[in-house]
């Protein structure tokens, strides 16, 4: 068992609208992070994780996820499963917890201008 304390997180701000706290556990199989979205992420285009699946849980607030199939509203307690290579964008004012399998690596996270 490993416990990663909040004070041990790695804070990342990939855009002016989003802050992420990475919980860096000793695992190559899964990783976790908390993201605070205030606006749109990415600000333009769509994010794509080329390798990992992402499972997100809305901890607070509300908004929507935008994909090639349209927009879906998100509220407290909703869960979103994003497949590898699936373009998406977050919009709104909310906090999500994300589990990524295998472990998230910034090299596999790309921003595409269009979907």
Protein backbone atom coordinates (compact mmCIF):
# COMPACT_ATOMS: atom_id res chain seq x y z
CA UNK A 1 0.00 0.00 0.00
CA UNK A 2 1.11 3.54 -0.69
CA UNK A 3 -0.48 6.77 0.54
CA UNK A 4 0.25 9.99 -1.35
CA UNK A 5 -0.46 13.00 0.85
CA UNK A 6 -2.00 16.16 -0.58
CA UNK A 7 1.15 18.11 0.35
CA UNK A 8 3.16 15.69 -1.85
CA UNK A 9 1.25 16.45 -5.06
CA UNK A 10 2.83 17.92 -8.16
CA UNK A 11 0.92 21.07 -9.18
CA UNK A 12 0.69 21.69 -12.94
CA UNK A 13 -1.10 24.49 -14.79
CA UNK A 14 -1.41 23.37 -18.43
CA UNK A 15 -3.49 26.46 -19.29
CA UNK A 16 -4.87 29.65 -17.76
CA UNK A 17 -8.18 27.83 -17.15
CA UNK A 18 -6.94 24.59 -15.58
CA UNK A 19 -4.86 23.51 -12.59
CA UNK A 20 -3.97 19.87 -11.96
CA UNK A 21 -2.58 18.25 -8.82
CA UNK A 22 -0.83 14.98 -9.71
CA UNK A 23 -0.66 12.25 -7.07
CA UNK A 24 2.60 10.52 -7.97
CA UNK A 25 2.28 6.93 -6.77
CA UNK A 26 4.92 4.28 -7.47
CA UNK A 27 2.96 2.51 -10.22
CA UNK A 28 3.19 2.10 -13.96
CA UNK A 29 -0.35 0.66 -14.11
CA UNK A 30 -2.46 3.57 -12.86
CA UNK A 31 -2.15 7.19 -11.78
CA UNK A 32 -4.44 9.77 -10.24
CA UNK A 33 -4.91 13.52 -10.32
CA UNK A 34 -7.37 16.24 -9.37
CA UNK A 35 -8.15 18.94 -11.93
CA UNK A 36 -9.87 22.28 -11.37
CA UNK A 37 -11.40 23.60 -14.61
CA UNK A 38 -12.57 27.22 -14.77
CA UNK A 39 -13.54 27.81 -18.38
CA UNK A 40 -12.44 25.53 -21.21
CA UNK A 41 -9.59 23.04 -21.42
CA UNK A 42 -7.95 23.04 -23.77
CA UNK A 43 -8.77 26.66 -24.49
CA UNK A 44 -8.75 25.85 -28.23
CA UNK A 45 -8.97 22.47 -29.91
CA UNK A 46 -9.26 19.10 -28.20
CA UNK A 47 -7.11 17.01 -25.87
CA UNK A 48 -6.15 13.45 -26.77
CA UNK A 49 -4.44 10.86 -24.61
CA UNK A 50 -2.72 8.58 -27.09
CA UNK A 51 -2.13 5.64 -24.74
CA UNK A 52 -4.14 5.72 -21.50
CA UNK A 53 -7.79 5.44 -20.63
CA UNK A 54 -9.04 8.22 -18.36
CA UNK A 55 -11.80 7.75 -15.81
CA UNK A 56 -12.99 11.06 -14.33
CA UNK A 57 -15.36 11.69 -11.40
CA UNK A 58 -16.99 15.11 -10.91
CA UNK A 59 -16.15 16.08 -7.32
CA UNK A 60 -17.82 19.51 -7.37
CA UNK A 61 -19.39 22.04 -9.72
CA UNK A 62 -20.77 21.40 -13.16
CA UNK A 63 -20.01 21.84 -16.84
CA UNK A 64 -19.77 19.67 -19.90
CA UNK A 65 -17.49 17.47 -21.93
CA UNK A 66 -17.26 18.13 -25.64
CA UNK A 67 -16.38 15.34 -28.10
CA UNK A 68 -16.87 14.45 -31.75
CA UNK A 69 -20.30 13.07 -30.83
CA UNK A 70 -21.45 16.37 -29.25
CA UNK A 71 -21.69 17.86 -25.78
CA UNK A 72 -22.75 16.13 -22.56
CA UNK A 73 -23.56 18.03 -19.38
CA UNK A 74 -21.69 17.06 -16.22
CA UNK A 75 -22.84 17.38 -12.63
CA UNK A 76 -21.64 16.36 -9.19
CA UNK A 77 -21.16 12.59 -9.00
CA UNK A 78 -21.00 11.92 -12.75
CA UNK A 79 -18.31 9.60 -14.11
CA UNK A 80 -16.74 9.92 -17.56
CA UNK A 81 -14.70 7.22 -19.30
CA UNK A 82 -12.45 8.52 -22.08
CA UNK A 83 -10.81 5.97 -24.37
CA UNK A 84 -7.27 6.33 -25.78
CA UNK A 85 -7.16 8.59 -28.86
CA UNK A 86 -10.63 9.99 -28.13
CA UNK A 87 -10.61 13.81 -28.60
CA UNK A 88 -12.34 15.80 -25.85
CA UNK A 89 -12.54 19.18 -24.14
CA UNK A 90 -13.79 20.17 -20.69
CA UNK A 91 -16.00 23.26 -20.27
CA UNK A 92 -17.41 24.77 -17.08
CA UNK A 93 -16.46 25.38 -13.49
CA UNK A 94 -15.84 22.09 -11.76
CA UNK A 95 -13.34 19.81 -10.03
CA UNK A 96 -12.72 16.26 -11.22
CA UNK A 97 -10.67 13.36 -9.93
CA UNK A 98 -9.03 11.43 -12.77
CA UNK A 99 -7.58 7.94 -12.76
CA UNK A 100 -5.44 7.11 -15.78
CA UNK A 101 -4.38 3.60 -16.82
CA UNK A 102 -1.63 3.01 -17.61
CA UNK A 103 0.11 5.80 -15.69
CA UNK A 104 -0.22 9.26 -17.22
CA UNK A 105 2.77 10.61 -19.09
CA UNK A 106 2.66 14.17 -20.49
CA UNK A 107 4.33 12.91 -23.70
CA UNK A 108 1.17 10.98 -24.61
CA UNK A 109 -1.15 13.97 -24.04
CA UNK A 110 -1.61 16.02 -27.22
CA UNK A 111 -3.72 19.03 -28.18
CA UNK A 112 -5.39 18.80 -31.59
CA UNK A 113 -6.78 21.88 -33.30
CA UNK A 114 -9.81 20.03 -34.76
CA UNK A 115 -11.56 16.71 -34.30
